[in-house]
PDB file of N, CA and C in Angstrom:
ATOM      1  N   MET A   1       0.530  -1.577  -0.243  1.00  0.00           N
ATOM      2  CA  MET A   1      -0.211  -0.209  -0.498  1.00  0.00           C
ATOM      3  C   MET A   1       0.740   1.716   0.050  1.00  0.00           C
ATOM      4  N   TRP A   2       1.748   1.383   0.940  1.00  0.00           N
ATOM      5  CA  TRP A   2       2.462   2.762   1.073  1.00  0.00           C
ATOM      6  C   TRP A   2       3.443   2.665   0.055  1.00  0.00           C
ATOM      7  N   LYS A   3       3.893   1.218  -0.620  1.00  0.00           N
ATOM      8  CA  LYS A   3       4.522   1.636  -2.298  1.00  0.00           C
ATOM      9  C   LYS A   3       4.698   2.558  -3.094  1.00  0.00           C
ATOM     10  N   ILE A   4       2.783   1.871  -3.360  1.00  0.00           N
ATOM     11  CA  ILE A   4       1.849   2.149  -4.103  1.00  0.00           C
ATOM     12  C   ILE A   4       1.999   3.571  -3.788  1.00  0.00           C
ATOM     13  N   LEU A   5       1.456   4.166  -3.062  1.00  0.00           N
ATOM     14  CA  LEU A   5       1.238   5.513  -2.466  1.00  0.00           C
ATOM     15  C   LEU A   5       2.288   6.129  -3.173  1.00  0.00           C
ATOM     16  N   GLY A   6       3.508   5.718  -2.482  1.00  0.00           N
ATOM     17  CA  GLY A   6       5.027   6.393  -2.536  1.00  0.00           C
ATOM     18  C   GLY A   6       5.329   7.104  -4.326  1.00  0.00           C
ATOM     19  N   ASN A   7       5.201   5.618  -5.064  1.00  0.00           N
ATOM     20  CA  ASN A   7       5.183   5.823  -6.555  1.00  0.00           C
ATOM     21  C   ASN A   7       3.417   6.650  -6.942  1.00  0.00           C
ATOM     22  N   ILE A   8       3.003   7.113  -6.958  1.00  0.00           N
ATOM     23  CA  ILE A   8       2.043   7.734  -7.403  1.00  0.00           C
ATOM     24  C   ILE A   8       2.587   9.020  -7.159  1.00  0.00           C
ATOM     25  N   ILE A   9       3.427   9.140  -5.772  1.00  0.00           N
ATOM     26  CA  ILE A   9       3.458  10.523  -5.384  1.00  0.00           C
ATOM     27  C   ILE A   9       4.543  11.145  -5.925  1.00  0.00           C
ATOM     28  N   GLU A  10       5.597  10.220  -6.030  1.00  0.00           N
ATOM     29  CA  GLU A  10       7.097  10.339  -7.014  1.00  0.00           C
ATOM     30  C   GLU A  10       6.506  10.802  -8.699  1.00  0.00           C
ATOM     31  N   MET A  11       5.368  10.188  -9.143  1.00  0.00           N
ATOM     32  CA  MET A  11       5.161  10.578 -10.399  1.00  0.00           C
ATOM     33  C   MET A  11       4.477  11.740 -10.124  1.00  0.00           C
ATOM     34  N   CYS A  12       3.802  11.910  -9.569  1.00  0.00           N
ATOM     35  CA  CYS A  12       3.326  13.332  -9.157  1.00  0.00           C
ATOM     36  C   CYS A  12       4.205  14.439  -9.069  1.00  0.00           C
ATOM     37  N   VAL A  13       5.906  14.208  -8.833  1.00  0.00           N
ATOM     38  CA  VAL A  13       6.933  15.339  -8.125  1.00  0.00           C
ATOM     39  C   VAL A  13       7.661  15.116  -9.929  1.00  0.00           C
ATOM     40  N   TYR A  14       7.540  14.371 -10.288  1.00  0.00           N
ATOM     41  CA  TYR A  14       7.961  13.940 -12.004  1.00  0.00           C
ATOM     42  C   TYR A  14       7.976  14.970 -13.113  1.00  0.00           C
ATOM     43  N   SER A  15       6.229  14.718 -12.665  1.00  0.00           N
ATOM     44  CA  SER A  15       5.499  15.748 -13.998  1.00  0.00           C
ATOM     45  C   SER A  15       5.706  16.836 -13.234  1.00  0.00           C
ATOM     46  N   THR A  16       5.103  16.919 -12.001  1.00  0.00           N
ATOM     47  CA  THR A  16       5.626  18.443 -12.409  1.00  0.00           C
ATOM     48  C   THR A  16       6.689  19.144 -12.822  1.00  0.00           C
ATOM     49  N   VAL A  17       7.982  18.758 -11.869  1.00  0.00           N
ATOM     50  CA  VAL A  17       9.387  18.778 -12.495  1.00  0.00           C
ATOM     51  C   VAL A  17       9.073  19.169 -14.145  1.00  0.00           C
ATOM     52  N   TYR A  18       8.992  18.203 -14.673  1.00  0.00           N
ATOM     53  CA  TYR A  18       8.809  18.221 -16.281  1.00  0.00           C
ATOM     54  C   TYR A  18       8.526  19.394 -16.487  1.00  0.00           C
ATOM     55  N   LEU A  19       6.524  19.633 -16.419  1.00  0.00           N
ATOM     56  CA  LEU A  19       6.607  20.441 -16.762  1.00  0.00           C
ATOM     57  C   LEU A  19       6.940  21.914 -16.907  1.00  0.00           C
ATOM     58  N   ILE A  20       6.854  21.814 -15.430  1.00  0.00           N
ATOM     59  CA  ILE A  20       7.971  23.717 -15.278  1.00  0.00           C
ATOM     60  C   ILE A  20       9.791  23.420 -16.115  1.00  0.00           C
ATOM     61  N   ILE A  21       9.239  22.549 -16.672  1.00  0.00           N
ATOM     62  CA  ILE A  21      11.351  22.452 -17.331  1.00  0.00           C
ATOM     63  C   ILE A  21      10.653  22.783 -18.767  1.00  0.00           C
ATOM     64  N   VAL A  22       9.710  22.299 -19.233  1.00  0.00           N
ATOM     65  CA  VAL A  22       9.187  22.382 -20.531  1.00  0.00           C
ATOM     66  C   VAL A  22       8.339  24.107 -20.885  1.00  0.00           C
ATOM     67  N   LEU A  23       7.692  24.515 -19.343  1.00  0.00           N
ATOM     68  CA  LEU A  23       7.344  25.785 -19.364  1.00  0.00           C
ATOM     69  C   LEU A  23       8.180  26.603 -19.915  1.00  0.00           C
ATOM     70  N   VAL A  24       9.980  26.563 -19.324  1.00  0.00           N
ATOM     71  CA  VAL A  24      10.930  27.426 -18.807  1.00  0.00           C
ATOM     72  C   VAL A  24      11.776  27.161 -20.711  1.00  0.00           C
ATOM     73  N   VAL A  25      11.823  26.346 -21.193  1.00  0.00           N
ATOM     74  CA  VAL A  25      12.048  25.768 -22.356  1.00  0.00           C
ATOM     75  C   VAL A  25      11.533  26.161 -23.634  1.00  0.00           C
ATOM     76  N   LEU A  26      10.165  26.466 -23.505  1.00  0.00           N
ATOM     77  CA  LEU A  26       9.374  26.945 -24.376  1.00  0.00           C
ATOM     78  C   LEU A  26       9.970  28.924 -24.414  1.00  0.00           C
ATOM     79  N   LYS A  27       9.185  28.901 -23.031  1.00  0.00           N
ATOM     80  CA  LYS A  27       9.810  30.455 -23.201  1.00  0.00           C
ATOM     81  C   LYS A  27      11.309  30.791 -23.753  1.00  0.00           C
ATOM     82  N   ILE A  28      11.986  29.980 -23.890  1.00  0.00           N
ATOM     83  CA  ILE A  28      13.487  30.039 -24.046  1.00  0.00           C
ATOM     84  C   ILE A  28      13.219  29.993 -25.612  1.00  0.00           C
ATOM     85  N   VAL A  29      12.605  28.653 -26.071  1.00  0.00           N
ATOM     86  CA  VAL A  29      12.998  28.617 -27.631  1.00  0.00           C
ATOM     87  C   VAL A  29      12.336  29.786 -28.294  1.00  0.00           C
ATOM     88  N   GLY A  30      11.055  30.799 -27.736  1.00  0.00           N
ATOM     89  CA  GLY A  30      10.239  31.847 -27.884  1.00  0.00           C
ATOM     90  C   GLY A  30      10.776  32.449 -27.883  1.00  0.00           C
ATOM     91  N   ALA A  31      12.118  33.141 -27.172  1.00  0.00           N
ATOM     92  CA  ALA A  31      12.777  34.690 -26.835  1.00  0.00           C
ATOM     93  C   ALA A  31      13.913  34.303 -28.538  1.00  0.00           C
ATOM     94  N   MET A  32      14.571  33.485 -28.438  1.00  0.00           N
ATOM     95  CA  MET A  32      15.577  33.115 -29.167  1.00  0.00           C
ATOM     96  C   MET A  32      14.633  33.152 -30.674  1.00  0.00           C
ATOM     97  N   PHE A  33      13.150  33.111 -30.913  1.00  0.00           N
ATOM     98  CA  PHE A  33      12.703  32.627 -32.227  1.00  0.00           C
ATOM     99  C   PHE A  33      12.465  34.076 -32.535  1.00  0.00           C
ATOM    100  N   SER A  34      12.505  34.951 -31.112  1.00  0.00           N
ATOM    101  CA  SER A  34      11.349  35.930 -31.374  1.00  0.00           C
ATOM    102  C   SER A  34      10.166  36.134 -31.587  1.00  0.00           C
ATOM    103  N   THR A  35       9.159  34.741 -31.095  1.00  0.00           N
ATOM    104  CA  THR A  35       7.964  34.457 -31.750  1.00  0.00           C
ATOM    105  C   THR A  35       7.095  34.612 -30.224  1.00  0.00           C
ATOM    106  N   GLU A  36       6.082  34.648 -30.651  1.00  0.00           N
ATOM    107  CA  GLU A  36       5.171  33.701 -29.646  1.00  0.00           C
ATOM    108  C   GLU A  36       4.265  32.841 -30.430  1.00  0.00           C
ATOM    109  N   PHE A  37       4.605  31.218 -30.229  1.00  0.00           N
ATOM    110  CA  PHE A  37       4.193  29.860 -30.224  1.00  0.00           C
ATOM    111  C   PHE A  37       2.984  29.765 -30.044  1.00  0.00           C
ATOM    112  N   GLU A  38       2.152  30.242 -29.217  1.00  0.00           N
ATOM    113  CA  GLU A  38       0.798  29.921 -28.339  1.00  0.00           C
ATOM    114  C   GLU A  38       0.094  30.724 -29.235  1.00  0.00           C
ATOM    115  N   LYS A  39      -0.202  32.108 -30.048  1.00  0.00           N
ATOM    116  CA  LYS A  39      -0.623  32.954 -31.080  1.00  0.00           C
ATOM    117  C   LYS A  39      -0.627  32.752 -32.461  1.00  0.00           C
ATOM    118  N   LYS A  40       0.844  31.671 -32.660  1.00  0.00           N
ATOM    119  CA  LYS A  40       1.119  31.225 -34.401  1.00  0.00           C
ATOM    120  C   LYS A  40       0.028  29.868 -34.251  1.00  0.00           C
ATOM    121  N   ILE A  41       0.530  29.269 -33.414  1.00  0.00           N
ATOM    122  CA  ILE A  41      -0.575  27.849 -33.519  1.00  0.00           C
ATOM    123  C   ILE A  41      -2.247  27.882 -32.923  1.00  0.00           C
ATOM    124  N   SER A  42      -2.514  28.559 -32.717  1.00  0.00           N
ATOM    125  CA  SER A  42      -4.237  29.204 -31.701  1.00  0.00           C
ATOM    126  C   SER A  42      -4.265  29.814 -33.152  1.00  0.00           C
ATOM    127  N   GLU A  43      -3.837  31.001 -33.182  1.00  0.00           N
ATOM    128  CA  GLU A  43      -4.704  31.631 -34.053  1.00  0.00           C
ATOM    129  C   GLU A  43      -4.817  31.805 -35.294  1.00  0.00           C
ATOM    130  N   ASP A  44      -3.079  30.882 -36.075  1.00  0.00           N
ATOM    131  CA  ASP A  44      -2.985  31.301 -37.115  1.00  0.00           C
ATOM    132  C   ASP A  44      -3.348  29.847 -38.181  1.00  0.00           C
ATOM    133  N   GLY A  45      -3.041  28.943 -37.302  1.00  0.00           N
ATOM    134  CA  GLY A  45      -3.005  27.211 -37.193  1.00  0.00           C
ATOM    135  C   GLY A  45      -1.934  27.304 -37.889  1.00  0.00           C
ATOM    136  N   ASN A  46      -0.938  27.528 -37.467  1.00  0.00           N
ATOM    137  CA  ASN A  46       0.509  27.247 -37.891  1.00  0.00           C
ATOM    138  C   ASN A  46       0.790  25.328 -37.351  1.00  0.00           C
ATOM    139  N   VAL A  47       0.809  24.237 -38.467  1.00  0.00           N
ATOM    140  CA  VAL A  47       1.163  22.855 -37.936  1.00  0.00           C
ATOM    141  C   VAL A  47       2.366  22.653 -37.798  1.00  0.00           C
ATOM    142  N   GLY A  48       2.822  23.644 -38.733  1.00  0.00           N
ATOM    143  CA  GLY A  48       4.403  23.298 -38.207  1.00  0.00           C
ATOM    144  C   GLY A  48       5.716  23.428 -37.113  1.00  0.00           C
ATOM    145  N   LEU A  49       4.347  24.626 -36.660  1.00  0.00           N
ATOM    146  CA  LEU A  49       5.256  25.085 -35.310  1.00  0.00           C
ATOM    147  C   LEU A  49       4.976  23.961 -34.397  1.00  0.00           C
ATOM    148  N   ALA A  50       3.593  23.370 -34.960  1.00  0.00           N
ATOM    149  CA  ALA A  50       2.980  22.809 -33.551  1.00  0.00           C
ATOM    150  C   ALA A  50       3.808  21.081 -33.543  1.00  0.00           C
ATOM    151  N   ILE A  51       4.097  20.508 -35.064  1.00  0.00           N
ATOM    152  CA  ILE A  51       4.591  19.851 -34.386  1.00  0.00           C
ATOM    153  C   ILE A  51       6.656  20.187 -34.103  1.00  0.00           C
ATOM    154  N   ILE A  52       7.024  21.480 -34.294  1.00  0.00           N
ATOM    155  CA  ILE A  52       7.721  21.027 -34.282  1.00  0.00           C
ATOM    156  C   ILE A  52       7.914  21.670 -32.284  1.00  0.00           C
ATOM    157  N   CYS A  53       6.797  21.995 -31.431  1.00  0.00           N
ATOM    158  CA  CYS A  53       6.900  22.344 -30.388  1.00  0.00           C
ATOM    159  C   CYS A  53       6.916  20.853 -30.072  1.00  0.00           C
ATOM    160  N   ALA A  54       6.142  20.212 -30.191  1.00  0.00           N
ATOM    161  CA  ALA A  54       5.520  18.603 -30.358  1.00  0.00           C
ATOM    162  C   ALA A  54       6.904  17.425 -29.984  1.00  0.00           C
ATOM    163  N   CYS A  55       7.800  18.471 -30.825  1.00  0.00           N
ATOM    164  CA  CYS A  55       9.171  17.088 -30.604  1.00  0.00           C
ATOM    165  C   CYS A  55       9.833  17.789 -29.788  1.00  0.00           C
ATOM    166  N   LEU A  56      10.197  19.022 -29.542  1.00  0.00           N
ATOM    167  CA  LEU A  56      10.204  19.325 -28.232  1.00  0.00           C
ATOM    168  C   LEU A  56       9.980  18.825 -27.284  1.00  0.00           C
ATOM    169  N   PHE A  57       9.132  19.012 -26.573  1.00  0.00           N
ATOM    170  CA  PHE A  57       8.101  17.931 -25.792  1.00  0.00           C
ATOM    171  C   PHE A  57       9.285  16.701 -25.658  1.00  0.00           C
ATOM    172  N   ILE A  58       8.802  15.938 -26.695  1.00  0.00           N
ATOM    173  CA  ILE A  58       8.995  14.609 -27.013  1.00  0.00           C
ATOM    174  C   ILE A  58      10.168  14.313 -26.375  1.00  0.00           C
ATOM    175  N   GLY A  59      11.242  15.153 -27.134  1.00  0.00           N
ATOM    176  CA  GLY A  59      12.818  15.160 -26.854  1.00  0.00           C
ATOM    177  C   GLY A  59      13.496  15.603 -24.596  1.00  0.00           C
ATOM    178  N   ILE A  60      12.319  16.581 -24.547  1.00  0.00           N
ATOM    179  CA  ILE A  60      12.786  16.479 -23.071  1.00  0.00           C
ATOM    180  C   ILE A  60      12.173  15.636 -22.316  1.00  0.00           C
ATOM    181  N   ALA A  61      11.721  15.166 -22.799  1.00  0.00           N
ATOM    182  CA  ALA A  61      10.233  14.045 -22.228  1.00  0.00           C
ATOM    183  C   ALA A  61      11.333  12.534 -22.138  1.00  0.00           C
ATOM    184  N   ILE A  62      11.981  12.278 -23.024  1.00  0.00           N
ATOM    185  CA  ILE A  62      13.156  11.269 -23.713  1.00  0.00           C
ATOM    186  C   ILE A  62      14.273  10.891 -22.466  1.00  0.00           C
ATOM    187  N   LEU A  63      14.442  12.911 -22.703  1.00  0.00           N
ATOM    188  CA  LEU A  63      15.989  13.096 -21.728  1.00  0.00           C
ATOM    189  C   LEU A  63      16.124  13.117 -20.170  1.00  0.00           C
ATOM    190  N   LEU A  64      14.681  13.398 -19.814  1.00  0.00           N
ATOM    191  CA  LEU A  64      13.727  12.839 -18.176  1.00  0.00           C
ATOM    192  C   LEU A  64      13.860  11.890 -17.952  1.00  0.00           C
ATOM    193  N   SER A  65      13.339  11.669 -18.512  1.00  0.00           N
ATOM    194  CA  SER A  65      13.196   9.722 -18.470  1.00  0.00           C
ATOM    195  C   SER A  65      14.847   8.753 -18.162  1.00  0.00           C
ATOM    196  N   ALA A  66      15.501   9.293 -19.188  1.00  0.00           N
ATOM    197  CA  ALA A  66      16.516   9.112 -18.742  1.00  0.00           C
ATOM    198  C   ALA A  66      17.441   9.496 -17.668  1.00  0.00           C
ATOM    199  N   VAL A  67      17.100   9.717 -16.951  1.00  0.00           N
ATOM    200  CA  VAL A  67      17.798  10.888 -15.656  1.00  0.00           C
ATOM    201  C   VAL A  67      17.248  10.227 -14.732  1.00  0.00           C
ATOM    202  N   VAL A  68      15.819   9.808 -14.794  1.00  0.00           N
ATOM    203  CA  VAL A  68      14.662   9.105 -13.969  1.00  0.00           C
ATOM    204  C   VAL A  68      15.484   7.809 -13.873  1.00  0.00           C
ATOM    205  N   LYS A  69      15.339   6.896 -14.742  1.00  0.00           N
ATOM    206  CA  LYS A  69      16.086   6.033 -14.449  1.00  0.00           C
ATOM    207  C   LYS A  69      17.306   5.237 -14.333  1.00  0.00           C
TER     208      LYS A  69
END
């Protein structure tokens, strides 16, 4: 019982850290390219930029999963 609860808490902590890192990286990349990702994806419907952002998120997730193991 306690092991399951510990695993759930650990998963929540790692997911929170992942979300914080993703938001920071998104703001850094947005500042480098001087563009607003959210506006271009949602209002302009830029699918290519959405795919690039998704690849960025997947890459960070792979790196973080390697660190967790």
